[in-house]
Amino acid sequence: MKNIIKSMAALVILLLVSCGGKEEKKKEGIQIGQKPAPTETPKETPASTVKPSETIDLTNKGVGPIKNVDLSAEVDDAMAAKGLELFKSKCMACHKVDKKFIGPAPTGILERRTPEWVMNMILDPEGMVKNDPLAKALLQEFNGSPMANQSLTEEEARQILEYFRTL
């Protein structure tokens, strides 16, 4: 019985060894333990590793009705207070002041975006995501969760912007 098992094992080994030496066709795809072949030279730069929410772009005014916003040196406290109330009622379901939630935190937004971009995003988030590359990138960063259009007026968007200046 032991001889039969040994003979069978030797036969299997011989068959496996005799099958070797043939030219193997290159298989497409990734095999276990094999790294994928690069398709093209990576063009990644350190700047491209910055998240869209952390990207600083103070030249882009966005796409929408707001072309120019004049901000005074002093924050208008009455306007900012109205903006805070609007933010609480319209925005806090998705935005937390100091931390990422469903959407990005508004703290420091005016250090990263122009006032026009912010207001255009508030007023027409669908148009911005459709036509503005940075808004598109933010949508991807935040797992495809689009910003809801709250149907705010330009005056209300300006009040929220003034509130953001206090953060």
Protein backbone atom coordinates (compact mmCIF):
# COMPACT_ATOMS: atom_id res chain seq x y z
CA MET A 1 0.00 0.00 0.00
CA LYS A 2 2.83 2.36 0.90
CA ASN A 3 4.59 1.48 -2.34
CA ILE A 4 1.47 2.31 -4.36
CA ILE A 5 1.18 5.74 -2.68
CA LYS A 6 4.89 6.42 -3.24
CA SER A 7 4.61 5.34 -6.88
CA MET A 8 1.56 7.57 -7.46
CA ALA A 9 3.31 10.55 -5.84
CA ALA A 10 6.41 9.98 -8.01
CA LEU A 11 4.23 9.74 -11.13
CA VAL A 12 2.44 13.00 -10.28
CA ILE A 13 5.78 14.73 -9.67
CA LEU A 14 7.14 13.43 -12.99
CA LEU A 15 4.07 14.66 -14.84
CA LEU A 16 4.38 18.11 -13.28
CA VAL A 17 8.09 18.33 -14.07
CA SER A 18 7.63 17.09 -17.63
CA CYS A 19 4.99 19.76 -18.29
CA GLY A 20 7.46 22.54 -17.50
CA GLY A 21 9.64 24.31 -20.01
CA LYS A 22 6.85 25.41 -22.32
CA GLU A 23 6.61 29.04 -23.29
CA GLU A 24 3.94 30.67 -21.21
CA LYS A 25 1.55 33.16 -22.70
CA LYS A 26 1.47 36.44 -20.86
CA LYS A 27 -1.82 36.73 -19.03
CA GLU A 28 -3.62 40.02 -18.74
CA GLY A 29 -4.53 41.22 -15.27
CA ILE A 30 -2.91 40.97 -11.91
CA GLN A 31 -1.77 37.68 -10.45
CA ILE A 32 -1.47 37.08 -6.73
CA GLY A 33 1.89 38.33 -5.52
CA GLN A 34 2.43 40.37 -8.68
CA LYS A 35 2.42 44.14 -8.89
CA PRO A 36 0.51 45.72 -11.76
CA ALA A 37 2.63 47.01 -14.62
CA PRO A 38 2.52 50.80 -14.82
CA THR A 39 0.44 51.98 -17.75
CA GLU A 40 2.05 55.40 -17.88
CA THR A 41 4.48 57.47 -15.93
CA PRO A 42 2.78 58.92 -12.83
CA LYS A 43 2.51 62.66 -13.00
CA GLU A 44 1.74 63.14 -9.34
CA THR A 45 3.24 66.13 -7.66
CA PRO A 46 3.15 67.02 -3.99
CA ALA A 47 0.51 69.67 -4.75
CA SER A 48 -1.86 67.07 -6.22
CA THR A 49 -1.96 65.17 -2.92
CA VAL A 50 -3.70 68.08 -1.19
CA LYS A 51 -7.37 67.40 -0.55
CA PRO A 52 -9.78 69.67 -2.42
CA SER A 53 -11.14 70.93 0.93
CA GLU A 54 -7.60 72.02 1.86
CA THR A 55 -6.72 73.47 -1.54
CA ILE A 56 -6.13 77.21 -1.53
CA ASP A 57 -7.50 78.97 -4.60
CA LEU A 58 -7.98 82.71 -4.15
CA THR A 59 -8.41 83.42 -7.86
CA ASN A 60 -11.43 81.27 -8.77
CA LYS A 61 -14.72 83.17 -8.45
CA GLY A 62 -16.80 80.15 -9.37
CA VAL A 63 -19.68 79.93 -11.79
CA GLY A 64 -22.86 81.79 -11.01
CA PRO A 65 -24.47 85.17 -10.54
CA ILE A 66 -21.89 86.65 -8.17
CA LYS A 67 -19.07 88.34 -10.05
CA ASN A 68 -17.76 90.72 -7.40
CA VAL A 69 -18.10 91.02 -3.61
CA ASP A 70 -16.74 94.01 -1.73
CA LEU A 71 -15.88 93.18 1.86
CA SER A 72 -15.31 96.01 4.28
CA ALA A 73 -12.38 95.83 6.68
CA GLU A 74 -14.78 95.51 9.62
CA VAL A 75 -17.24 92.65 10.01
CA ASP A 76 -20.86 93.81 10.01
CA ASP A 77 -22.04 92.26 13.29
CA ALA A 78 -25.76 92.62 12.52
CA MET A 79 -25.32 90.92 9.14
CA ALA A 80 -23.14 88.21 10.69
CA ALA A 81 -25.80 87.53 13.36
CA LYS A 82 -28.42 87.04 10.63
CA GLY A 83 -25.95 84.81 8.82
CA LEU A 84 -25.47 82.72 11.96
CA GLU A 85 -29.22 82.17 12.24
CA LEU A 86 -29.42 81.20 8.58
CA PHE A 87 -26.45 78.87 8.99
CA LYS A 88 -28.11 77.19 11.97
CA SER A 89 -31.41 76.70 10.17
CA LYS A 90 -30.22 75.88 6.64
CA CYS A 91 -26.66 74.52 6.82
CA MET A 92 -25.98 72.75 10.12
CA ALA A 93 -27.61 69.51 9.01
CA CYS A 94 -24.54 68.93 6.80
CA HIS A 95 -21.86 71.39 8.00
CA LYS A 96 -20.23 71.63 11.43
CA VAL A 97 -18.36 74.84 12.14
CA ASP A 98 -14.97 73.39 13.08
CA LYS A 99 -14.94 69.87 11.66
CA LYS A 100 -15.66 67.84 8.56
CA PHE A 101 -19.13 66.33 8.61
CA ILE A 102 -21.24 65.51 5.57
CA GLY A 103 -19.78 68.66 4.03
CA PRO A 104 -16.62 70.67 4.76
CA ALA A 105 -16.23 72.92 7.79
CA PRO A 106 -16.65 76.61 6.97
CA THR A 107 -14.01 77.75 9.45
CA GLY A 108 -11.23 79.49 7.51
CA ILE A 109 -13.07 79.17 4.19
CA LEU A 110 -12.18 82.73 3.18
CA GLU A 111 -8.50 81.85 3.57
CA ARG A 112 -8.98 79.16 0.89
CA ARG A 113 -11.72 80.54 -1.41
CA THR A 114 -12.81 83.88 -2.80
CA PRO A 115 -15.99 85.44 -1.38
CA GLU A 116 -17.53 85.17 -4.85
CA TRP A 117 -16.83 81.42 -5.01
CA VAL A 118 -18.41 80.90 -1.58
CA MET A 119 -21.54 82.87 -2.48
CA ASN A 120 -21.89 81.14 -5.86
CA MET A 121 -21.61 77.77 -4.11
CA ILE A 122 -24.31 78.78 -1.62
CA LEU A 123 -26.62 80.14 -4.31
CA ASP A 124 -26.18 77.51 -7.03
CA PRO A 125 -24.46 74.34 -5.79
CA GLU A 126 -25.73 72.29 -8.75
CA GLY A 127 -24.30 74.74 -11.30
CA MET A 128 -21.01 74.92 -9.43
CA VAL A 129 -20.64 71.12 -9.28
CA LYS A 130 -21.47 70.92 -12.97
CA ASN A 131 -19.12 73.72 -14.14
CA ASP A 132 -16.46 74.39 -11.50
CA PRO A 133 -13.53 71.91 -11.24
CA LEU A 134 -12.94 72.60 -7.55
CA ALA A 135 -16.61 72.07 -6.68
CA LYS A 136 -16.50 68.78 -8.64
CA ALA A 137 -13.43 67.68 -6.68
CA LEU A 138 -15.13 68.57 -3.38
CA LEU A 139 -18.14 66.46 -4.36
CA GLN A 140 -15.82 63.48 -4.86
CA GLU A 141 -13.95 64.14 -1.61
CA PHE A 142 -17.21 64.19 0.32
CA ASN A 143 -18.37 60.83 -1.08
CA GLY A 144 -20.66 62.24 -3.74
CA SER A 145 -22.88 64.03 -1.23
CA PRO A 146 -24.09 67.08 -3.15
CA MET A 147 -24.76 70.34 -1.38
CA ALA A 148 -28.49 71.00 -1.17
CA ASN A 149 -29.79 74.12 -2.82
CA GLN A 150 -31.54 76.02 -0.04
CA SER A 151 -33.01 78.59 -2.48
CA LEU A 152 -31.42 81.48 -0.62
CA THR A 153 -31.41 85.04 -1.89
CA GLU A 154 -28.19 86.89 -2.66
CA GLU A 155 -28.75 88.93 0.51
CA GLU A 156 -29.06 85.76 2.62
CA ALA A 157 -25.96 84.25 1.02
CA ARG A 158 -24.11 87.50 1.76
CA GLN A 159 -25.22 87.28 5.42
CA ILE A 160 -23.86 83.73 5.68
CA LEU A 161 -20.63 84.91 4.08
CA GLU A 162 -20.39 87.67 6.70
CA TYR A 163 -20.91 85.05 9.42
CA PHE A 164 -18.08 82.97 7.89
CA ARG A 165 -15.81 86.00 8.32
CA THR A 166 -16.27 85.67 12.11
CA LEU A 167 -15.12 82.04 12.24
